[in-house]
């Protein structure tokens, strides 16, 4: 039971990374979409983990979330078919002034793994931790 509770707390902490108070308004949710294909093969899991450790954690030491995804995209070539690619999404909840950090992570990924493009999506967010210890209910 303690292990499940600890896992829940860890997941909640990572999901709402960067929140130091119970409620934060005017924050942003940043999503960085990273393709795992490159010209000489695929980005390995070890390379991905090392990238996260070296660059993402360096910019967002309070936490972030990564998700596995399948991306579908078409290059600028009009005759090209839509491609399917294993991808990873980095999700960060942070103040609106974190955009430069997000861009640094995206540019670093693009450069290290020879990506044609890396997508950043920014959305307004209101983050709130629900205190599981207080027993309060709405």
C-alpha atoms as a PDB file:
ATOM      1  CA  UNK A   1       0.000   0.000   0.000  1.00  0.00           C
ATOM      2  CA  UNK A   2       2.799   2.432   0.898  1.00  0.00           C
ATOM      3  CA  UNK A   3       4.468   1.698  -2.430  1.00  0.00           C
ATOM      4  CA  UNK A   4       1.273   2.556  -4.347  1.00  0.00           C
ATOM      5  CA  UNK A   5       0.801   5.748  -2.334  1.00  0.00           C
ATOM      6  CA  UNK A   6       4.431   6.754  -2.902  1.00  0.00           C
ATOM      7  CA  UNK A   7       4.069   6.055  -6.648  1.00  0.00           C
ATOM      8  CA  UNK A   8       0.964   8.250  -6.748  1.00  0.00           C
ATOM      9  CA  UNK A   9       2.765  11.109  -4.993  1.00  0.00           C
ATOM     10  CA  UNK A  10       5.767  10.804  -7.285  1.00  0.00           C
ATOM     11  CA  UNK A  11       3.558  10.837 -10.395  1.00  0.00           C
ATOM     12  CA  UNK A  12       1.641  13.876  -9.140  1.00  0.00           C
ATOM     13  CA  UNK A  13       4.890  15.691  -8.383  1.00  0.00           C
ATOM     14  CA  UNK A  14       6.279  15.002 -11.842  1.00  0.00           C
ATOM     15  CA  UNK A  15       3.019  15.911 -13.582  1.00  0.00           C
ATOM     16  CA  UNK A  16       2.859  19.292 -11.901  1.00  0.00           C
ATOM     17  CA  UNK A  17       6.580  19.942 -12.052  1.00  0.00           C
ATOM     18  CA  UNK A  18       7.744  23.315 -10.925  1.00  0.00           C
ATOM     19  CA  UNK A  19       4.759  24.027  -8.666  1.00  0.00           C
ATOM     20  CA  UNK A  20       5.994  25.027  -5.243  1.00  0.00           C
ATOM     21  CA  UNK A  21       2.694  26.243  -3.848  1.00  0.00           C
ATOM     22  CA  UNK A  22      -0.779  24.745  -3.735  1.00  0.00           C
ATOM     23  CA  UNK A  23      -2.103  26.821  -6.637  1.00  0.00           C
ATOM     24  CA  UNK A  24      -0.465  28.680  -9.502  1.00  0.00           C
ATOM     25  CA  UNK A  25      -2.301  30.794 -12.034  1.00  0.00           C
ATOM     26  CA  UNK A  26      -0.838  32.232 -15.237  1.00  0.00           C
ATOM     27  CA  UNK A  27       1.428  29.281 -15.772  1.00  0.00           C
ATOM     28  CA  UNK A  28       2.004  27.525 -19.056  1.00  0.00           C
ATOM     29  CA  UNK A  29       1.993  23.938 -20.153  1.00  0.00           C
ATOM     30  CA  UNK A  30       4.851  23.390 -22.560  1.00  0.00           C
ATOM     31  CA  UNK A  31       4.998  20.298 -24.755  1.00  0.00           C
ATOM     32  CA  UNK A  32       8.067  19.431 -26.793  1.00  0.00           C
ATOM     33  CA  UNK A  33       7.486  16.811 -29.507  1.00  0.00           C
ATOM     34  CA  UNK A  34      10.651  14.846 -30.280  1.00  0.00           C
ATOM     35  CA  UNK A  35      10.848  12.370 -33.155  1.00  0.00           C
ATOM     36  CA  UNK A  36      12.946   9.294 -32.460  1.00  0.00           C
ATOM     37  CA  UNK A  37      14.070   8.653 -36.065  1.00  0.00           C
ATOM     38  CA  UNK A  38      17.313   9.973 -37.466  1.00  0.00           C
ATOM     39  CA  UNK A  39      19.150   9.521 -40.750  1.00  0.00           C
ATOM     40  CA  UNK A  40      21.343   6.704 -39.407  1.00  0.00           C
ATOM     41  CA  UNK A  41      18.671   4.823 -37.451  1.00  0.00           C
ATOM     42  CA  UNK A  42      16.676   5.636 -34.350  1.00  0.00           C
ATOM     43  CA  UNK A  43      17.415   7.442 -31.114  1.00  0.00           C
ATOM     44  CA  UNK A  44      17.929   4.644 -28.604  1.00  0.00           C
ATOM     45  CA  UNK A  45      16.275   4.537 -25.202  1.00  0.00           C
ATOM     46  CA  UNK A  46      19.706   4.994 -23.623  1.00  0.00           C
ATOM     47  CA  UNK A  47      20.347   8.099 -25.761  1.00  0.00           C
ATOM     48  CA  UNK A  48      16.895   9.458 -24.871  1.00  0.00           C
ATOM     49  CA  UNK A  49      17.451   8.898 -21.149  1.00  0.00           C
ATOM     50  CA  UNK A  50      20.886  10.534 -21.349  1.00  0.00           C
ATOM     51  CA  UNK A  51      19.416  13.522 -23.218  1.00  0.00           C
ATOM     52  CA  UNK A  52      16.741  13.943 -20.535  1.00  0.00           C
ATOM     53  CA  UNK A  53      19.305  13.684 -17.763  1.00  0.00           C
ATOM     54  CA  UNK A  54      21.806  16.068 -19.378  1.00  0.00           C
ATOM     55  CA  UNK A  55      19.481  18.705 -20.833  1.00  0.00           C
ATOM     56  CA  UNK A  56      15.862  18.483 -19.667  1.00  0.00           C
ATOM     57  CA  UNK A  57      16.649  17.913 -16.010  1.00  0.00           C
ATOM     58  CA  UNK A  58      19.284  20.660 -16.177  1.00  0.00           C
ATOM     59  CA  UNK A  59      16.654  23.174 -17.350  1.00  0.00           C
ATOM     60  CA  UNK A  60      13.777  21.812 -15.229  1.00  0.00           C
ATOM     61  CA  UNK A  61      15.263  20.301 -12.054  1.00  0.00           C
ATOM     62  CA  UNK A  62      11.885  20.468 -10.250  1.00  0.00           C
ATOM     63  CA  UNK A  63      10.500  17.905 -12.689  1.00  0.00           C
ATOM     64  CA  UNK A  64       8.778  17.158 -15.966  1.00  0.00           C
ATOM     65  CA  UNK A  65       6.907  14.304 -17.610  1.00  0.00           C
ATOM     66  CA  UNK A  66       7.794  12.313 -20.714  1.00  0.00           C
ATOM     67  CA  UNK A  67       5.290  10.388 -22.789  1.00  0.00           C
ATOM     68  CA  UNK A  68       5.751   7.811 -25.535  1.00  0.00           C
ATOM     69  CA  UNK A  69       3.796   8.595 -28.692  1.00  0.00           C
ATOM     70  CA  UNK A  70       3.509   7.806 -32.370  1.00  0.00           C
ATOM     71  CA  UNK A  71       3.816  10.850 -34.600  1.00  0.00           C
ATOM     72  CA  UNK A  72       2.498  11.208 -38.134  1.00  0.00           C
ATOM     73  CA  UNK A  73       4.014  13.857 -40.355  1.00  0.00           C
ATOM     74  CA  UNK A  74       4.686  14.822 -43.924  1.00  0.00           C
ATOM     75  CA  UNK A  75       7.787  16.648 -45.080  1.00  0.00           C
ATOM     76  CA  UNK A  76       7.648  19.754 -47.266  1.00  0.00           C
ATOM     77  CA  UNK A  77       8.150  17.620 -50.380  1.00  0.00           C
ATOM     78  CA  UNK A  78       4.732  17.624 -52.117  1.00  0.00           C
ATOM     79  CA  UNK A  79       5.206  14.070 -53.389  1.00  0.00           C
ATOM     80  CA  UNK A  80       6.169  12.651 -49.985  1.00  0.00           C
ATOM     81  CA  UNK A  81       3.866  10.247 -48.184  1.00  0.00           C
ATOM     82  CA  UNK A  82       2.756  10.763 -44.606  1.00  0.00           C
ATOM     83  CA  UNK A  83       5.310   9.103 -42.343  1.00  0.00           C
ATOM     84  CA  UNK A  84       4.851   7.381 -39.013  1.00  0.00           C
ATOM     85  CA  UNK A  85       7.498   7.795 -36.325  1.00  0.00           C
ATOM     86  CA  UNK A  86       8.045   6.789 -32.720  1.00  0.00           C
ATOM     87  CA  UNK A  87       8.164   9.987 -30.689  1.00  0.00           C
ATOM     88  CA  UNK A  88       8.527  11.314 -27.187  1.00  0.00           C
ATOM     89  CA  UNK A  89       6.688  14.265 -25.686  1.00  0.00           C
ATOM     90  CA  UNK A  90       8.209  16.274 -22.864  1.00  0.00           C
ATOM     91  CA  UNK A  91       5.557  18.008 -20.735  1.00  0.00           C
ATOM     92  CA  UNK A  92       6.556  20.854 -18.440  1.00  0.00           C
ATOM     93  CA  UNK A  93       4.321  23.034 -16.266  1.00  0.00           C
ATOM     94  CA  UNK A  94       6.166  26.237 -15.476  1.00  0.00           C
ATOM     95  CA  UNK A  95       5.823  30.017 -15.317  1.00  0.00           C
ATOM     96  CA  UNK A  96       5.376  31.811 -18.616  1.00  0.00           C
ATOM     97  CA  UNK A  97       8.967  33.033 -18.532  1.00  0.00           C
ATOM     98  CA  UNK A  98      10.261  29.456 -19.008  1.00  0.00           C
ATOM     99  CA  UNK A  99       9.850  29.661 -22.800  1.00  0.00           C
ATOM    100  CA  UNK A 100      13.593  30.224 -23.363  1.00  0.00           C
ATOM    101  CA  UNK A 101      14.405  27.090 -21.365  1.00  0.00           C
ATOM    102  CA  UNK A 102      11.912  25.107 -23.434  1.00  0.00           C
ATOM    103  CA  UNK A 103      13.445  26.428 -26.646  1.00  0.00           C
ATOM    104  CA  UNK A 104      16.951  25.504 -25.470  1.00  0.00           C
ATOM    105  CA  UNK A 105      15.819  21.919 -24.827  1.00  0.00           C
ATOM    106  CA  UNK A 106      14.112  21.689 -28.243  1.00  0.00           C
ATOM    107  CA  UNK A 107      17.100  23.176 -30.095  1.00  0.00           C
ATOM    108  CA  UNK A 108      19.497  20.877 -28.274  1.00  0.00           C
ATOM    109  CA  UNK A 109      17.415  17.816 -29.220  1.00  0.00           C
ATOM    110  CA  UNK A 110      17.186  18.943 -32.854  1.00  0.00           C
ATOM    111  CA  UNK A 111      20.940  19.489 -33.023  1.00  0.00           C
ATOM    112  CA  UNK A 112      22.043  16.327 -31.196  1.00  0.00           C
ATOM    113  CA  UNK A 113      19.786  13.965 -33.140  1.00  0.00           C
ATOM    114  CA  UNK A 114      19.764  15.674 -36.561  1.00  0.00           C
ATOM    115  CA  UNK A 115      16.031  16.368 -36.551  1.00  0.00           C
ATOM    116  CA  UNK A 116      14.302  18.191 -39.405  1.00  0.00           C
ATOM    117  CA  UNK A 117      12.079  19.901 -36.833  1.00  0.00           C
ATOM    118  CA  UNK A 118      11.049  19.754 -33.180  1.00  0.00           C
ATOM    119  CA  UNK A 119       7.586  21.054 -32.261  1.00  0.00           C
ATOM    120  CA  UNK A 120       6.842  23.178 -29.196  1.00  0.00           C
ATOM    121  CA  UNK A 121       3.228  23.706 -28.100  1.00  0.00           C
ATOM    122  CA  UNK A 122       2.432  26.225 -25.364  1.00  0.00           C
ATOM    123  CA  UNK A 123      -0.929  26.420 -23.603  1.00  0.00           C
ATOM    124  CA  UNK A 124      -2.177  28.446 -20.641  1.00  0.00           C
ATOM    125  CA  UNK A 125      -2.396  26.319 -17.508  1.00  0.00           C
ATOM    126  CA  UNK A 126      -3.656  26.580 -13.974  1.00  0.00           C
ATOM    127  CA  UNK A 127      -1.899  24.057 -11.768  1.00  0.00           C
ATOM    128  CA  UNK A 128      -3.005  22.964  -8.329  1.00  0.00           C
ATOM    129  CA  UNK A 129      -1.812  20.294  -5.950  1.00  0.00           C
ATOM    130  CA  UNK A 130      -4.605  18.603  -4.058  1.00  0.00           C
ATOM    131  CA  UNK A 131      -3.344  17.976  -0.554  1.00  0.00           C
ATOM    132  CA  UNK A 132      -4.005  14.274   0.015  1.00  0.00           C
ATOM    133  CA  UNK A 133      -3.111  14.599   3.702  1.00  0.00           C
ATOM    134  CA  UNK A 134      -5.692  17.214   4.656  1.00  0.00           C
ATOM    135  CA  UNK A 135      -8.753  15.148   3.884  1.00  0.00           C
ATOM    136  CA  UNK A 136     -10.485  18.276   2.597  1.00  0.00           C
ATOM    137  CA  UNK A 137     -13.081  17.820  -0.091  1.00  0.00           C
ATOM    138  CA  UNK A 138     -14.752  20.404  -2.324  1.00  0.00           C
END
